[in-house]
Structures are given as C-alpha cells and as structure tokens.
Protein backbone atom coordinates (compact mmCIF):
# COMPACT_ATOMS: atom_id res chain seq x y z
CA LEU A 1 15.32 21.51 7.06
CA LYS A 2 16.97 22.32 3.51
CA LYS A 3 14.98 20.61 0.03
CA SER A 4 18.26 20.11 -1.09
CA ASP A 5 19.73 17.81 1.20
CA ILE A 6 16.84 15.09 -0.51
CA ASN A 7 17.96 12.96 -2.97
CA GLY A 8 17.19 14.53 -6.70
CA PHE A 9 14.70 11.37 -7.17
CA ASP A 10 12.55 12.70 -4.51
CA ARG A 11 13.30 16.34 -4.33
CA SER A 12 10.45 17.60 -6.26
CA VAL A 13 7.74 16.23 -3.85
CA ALA A 14 8.93 18.39 -1.00
CA ASN A 15 6.52 21.23 -2.09
CA ASN A 16 3.79 19.09 -2.15
CA TYR A 17 0.79 19.29 0.28
CA SER A 18 -2.77 18.75 0.05
CA PRO A 19 -5.44 17.99 2.64
CA LYS A 20 -7.87 16.38 -0.28
CA ALA A 21 -4.96 14.23 -1.80
CA LYS A 22 -4.61 13.05 1.82
CA SER A 23 -8.53 12.33 1.97
CA ALA A 24 -8.40 10.47 -1.05
CA SER A 25 -5.71 8.21 -0.28
CA ASP A 26 -7.07 7.95 3.06
CA LEU A 27 -10.72 6.46 1.06
CA PHE A 28 -8.54 4.26 -0.89
CA PHE A 29 -6.60 2.42 2.24
CA TYR A 30 -10.05 1.68 4.29
CA SER A 31 -11.74 0.60 1.28
CA SER A 32 -9.05 -2.05 0.30
CA MET A 33 -9.08 -3.95 3.76
CA PRO A 34 -12.69 -5.23 3.11
CA LEU A 35 -12.09 -5.81 -0.61
CA PRO A 36 -10.87 -9.38 -0.40
CA LEU A 37 -14.51 -10.25 1.48
CA PHE A 38 -15.69 -10.20 -2.07
CA LEU A 39 -13.97 -13.31 -2.89
CA LEU A 40 -16.85 -15.10 -0.90
CA LEU A 41 -19.00 -14.21 -3.63
CA ASP A 42 -17.26 -16.78 -5.77
CA LYS A 43 -18.65 -20.37 -4.74
CA LYS A 44 -15.25 -22.45 -5.52
CA ILE A 45 -13.53 -19.79 -3.03
CA ARG A 46 -16.36 -19.96 -0.39
CA LYS A 47 -15.80 -23.55 0.21
CA ASP A 48 -12.52 -22.81 1.65
CA GLY A 49 -13.95 -19.38 2.85
CA LEU A 50 -12.34 -19.23 6.38
CA ARG A 51 -8.80 -20.11 5.10
CA VAL A 52 -8.73 -17.42 2.10
CA GLU A 53 -9.86 -15.25 5.01
CA MET A 54 -7.48 -16.46 7.69
CA LEU A 55 -4.48 -15.88 4.85
CA TYR A 56 -5.69 -12.48 3.89
CA LEU A 57 -5.46 -11.79 7.84
CA GLN A 58 -1.66 -13.29 7.81
CA ALA A 59 -0.82 -11.08 4.61
CA LEU A 60 -2.16 -8.05 6.83
CA GLY A 61 -0.03 -8.67 9.69
CA THR A 62 2.86 -9.27 7.87
CA THR A 63 2.36 -6.07 5.91
CA GLY A 64 2.10 -4.43 8.85
CA ALA A 65 4.99 -5.80 10.67
CA LEU A 66 6.80 -4.90 7.60
CA TYR A 67 5.69 -1.30 7.78
CA SER A 68 6.31 -0.89 11.81
CA VAL A 69 9.55 -2.20 12.05
CA SER A 70 10.68 -0.21 8.98
CA ALA A 71 8.96 2.83 10.80
CA ALA A 72 10.44 2.54 13.79
CA LEU A 73 14.09 1.71 12.67
CA GLY A 74 13.96 4.34 9.86
CA ASP A 75 13.74 7.88 10.78
CA ARG A 76 12.75 9.41 7.32
CA LEU A 77 10.94 12.89 7.43
CA ARG A 78 7.83 12.92 5.65
CA PRO A 79 7.78 15.52 2.26
CA LEU A 80 5.22 17.83 4.09
CA THR A 81 7.90 18.78 6.62
CA TYR A 82 9.88 20.32 4.12
CA ASN A 83 7.17 22.79 2.79
CA PRO A 84 7.05 25.60 4.56
CA ASN A 85 3.17 25.99 3.11
CA ALA A 86 2.09 22.87 5.63
CA PRO A 87 0.59 23.45 8.72
CA ILE A 88 3.71 23.72 11.21
CA ASP A 89 1.68 21.28 13.71
CA GLU A 90 1.64 18.78 10.72
CA ARG A 91 5.19 19.26 10.05
CA ARG A 92 6.74 19.27 13.66
CA SER A 93 4.47 15.90 14.72
CA GLY A 94 5.48 12.56 15.62
CA ASN A 95 3.95 11.42 12.46
CA SER A 96 5.71 13.22 10.38
CA ARG A 97 8.96 11.25 11.03
CA ASN A 98 8.02 7.78 9.20
CA SER A 99 8.11 8.44 5.74
CA PHE A 100 9.59 5.19 4.80
CA PHE A 101 7.83 2.97 3.49
CA ALA A 102 4.70 4.12 2.37
CA GLY A 103 2.06 2.15 4.46
CA HIS A 104 -1.22 3.30 2.68
CA PRO A 105 -0.02 1.52 -0.79
CA ALA A 106 1.67 -1.23 1.19
CA LEU A 107 -1.60 -2.13 2.53
CA VAL A 108 -3.68 -1.24 -0.90
CA ALA A 109 -1.12 -3.53 -2.52
CA THR A 110 -1.67 -6.25 -0.29
CA SER A 111 -5.13 -6.37 -0.61
CA THR A 112 -5.71 -5.94 -4.30
CA PHE A 113 -2.85 -8.44 -5.22
CA PHE A 114 -3.90 -10.93 -2.87
CA MET A 115 -7.67 -10.86 -4.39
CA ALA A 116 -5.86 -11.01 -8.02
CA LYS A 117 -3.75 -13.93 -6.88
CA VAL A 118 -6.31 -15.87 -5.07
CA TYR A 119 -9.10 -15.53 -7.75
CA ALA A 120 -6.59 -16.63 -10.22
CA ASP A 121 -5.78 -19.58 -8.10
CA TYR A 122 -9.10 -20.74 -8.24
CA HIS A 123 -9.48 -20.04 -12.17
CA PRO A 124 -6.40 -21.67 -13.55
CA ASN A 125 -8.22 -21.48 -16.81
CA MET A 126 -9.20 -17.70 -17.21
CA LYS A 127 -8.01 -15.95 -19.83
CA HIS A 128 -6.31 -12.24 -19.20
CA LYS A 129 -5.52 -12.90 -15.70
CA TRP A 130 -3.51 -9.99 -16.14
CA VAL A 131 -6.44 -7.72 -16.17
CA LEU A 132 -6.84 -8.46 -12.49
CA TYR A 133 -2.97 -7.90 -11.89
CA ALA A 134 -2.96 -4.52 -13.88
CA ALA A 135 -6.15 -3.50 -11.43
CA ALA A 136 -4.40 -4.32 -8.39
CA GLY A 137 -1.39 -2.32 -9.33
CA SER A 138 -3.66 0.40 -10.44
CA LEU A 139 -5.65 0.87 -7.25
CA ALA A 140 -1.92 0.74 -5.48
CA ALA A 141 -0.45 2.87 -7.64
CA THR A 142 -3.00 5.60 -7.78
CA THR A 143 -2.74 5.58 -3.47
CA GLY A 144 0.81 6.12 -4.12
CA TYR A 145 0.43 9.09 -6.21
CA LEU A 146 -2.23 10.28 -3.84
CA ARG A 147 0.42 9.84 -0.94
CA THR A 148 3.12 12.06 -2.71
CA ARG A 149 0.66 14.96 -3.82
CA ALA A 150 -0.29 14.92 -0.06
CA GLY A 151 2.81 15.46 1.14
CA TYR A 152 3.65 12.25 3.22
CA HIS A 153 5.56 9.87 1.08
CA PHE A 154 8.57 10.28 -1.08
CA TYR A 155 8.31 8.28 -4.65
CA SER A 156 10.76 6.15 -3.19
CA ASP A 157 8.91 5.42 -0.28
CA VAL A 158 5.83 4.69 -2.44
CA ILE A 159 7.77 2.59 -4.81
CA THR A 160 9.38 0.29 -2.07
CA GLY A 161 5.48 0.10 -0.25
CA VAL A 162 3.99 -1.01 -3.36
CA THR A 163 6.30 -3.80 -4.11
CA VAL A 164 6.32 -4.67 -0.46
CA GLY A 165 2.37 -5.03 -0.58
CA ALA A 166 2.47 -6.50 -3.74
CA LEU A 167 5.18 -9.23 -3.10
CA VAL A 168 3.33 -10.02 0.49
CA GLY A 169 -0.36 -10.40 -1.12
CA VAL A 170 0.94 -12.75 -3.87
CA LEU A 171 3.50 -14.79 -1.76
CA VAL A 172 1.39 -15.30 1.02
CA PRO A 173 -1.26 -17.38 -0.89
CA HIS A 174 1.33 -18.78 -3.18
CA LEU A 175 3.29 -20.48 -0.10
CA HIS A 176 0.21 -21.80 1.42
CA LYS A 177 -1.45 -23.08 -2.22
CA ASN A 178 -2.42 -26.63 -2.28
CA LYS A 179 -1.58 -28.51 -5.27
C-alpha cells in the first residue's frame, strides 16, 4: 500500500497508530451507550421514561444499521494498514477493511445529541441550550480524535460518522415529538 494513494486531506492519519488512543476511544464508546438513562433522573422525562428509552433504542438501531450498510458496501482500508509500525496481524485482519464511516464517533454522537435534544425538548425555556449541544459535540469530537490517533479512521470517516450520529440523535426524537 502506498500513502500517496490516500487523498491529501486524510493522508497524514496513515502515520498514526496508538493502542492507548484506541483504548481511550473504546472507553468513550462503551460509556456513552447507557448515558441517556440519566435522563430518567429528571421528573418531567421520567413520566415518559419507557417512550424515551424506546426512542433511544430506535436511534441506536438506526445508527447501527447505517454503519453496517456503509461498512458492508464500502471497502475502505483503515489508516493503520498503511503504517509499517502497526502490527502486521492488525493490518491484515478483516476489521482493517471497514474504515468508512467511523462507528465509535457516530454512536457517541447519537447518544449525546439524543440526550441534548430530549432534555432541551422537555425544558423549552432553558437558557443556554447550546451548552448541551456543545458538550455532545465535544464528546463525539474527542472520540473521533482518539480514533484518528489510534490509526483506525481517517478525518473524513470521523466527520461523516459524527454528522450521521448527530443527525440521528436529533432527528429521531424530533420526528416523534408530541407538540
């Protein structure tokens, strides 16, 4: 594989490989899944708890389905496959062929943007709602950064993953919102 075959925007990531960054991104990924359960601490939301949690499962399912389809249809190699410093078994594994789009950042974005949207909808008079969305974006962006440092995704994979996750996290509750 030649790094020169990678588009200029993504090329620099092909030098990355960090098991510590991968472990840190896994921590964000796994800890973000149960986060929306904290919405149930709010009395207004708790009365619709089952509905809200079913919407969350729908959001996770939608993101998971979109990721699975894109990984199956696309055959994009992960950046670490271009890096001679990465272990050969990782570079040659079947998992090295599903870089697009970034699933970890997508799921973190789905979870955190879902929380922000639902909380903001139940508290329409809340000032500084942007803080919720900024926090959601920061967690997803941090996960994306860690995935690029780990050598698992290109910048374009992360941008697409975070965008898909954020859209799903906001649109699923929005489309089911009772006026």
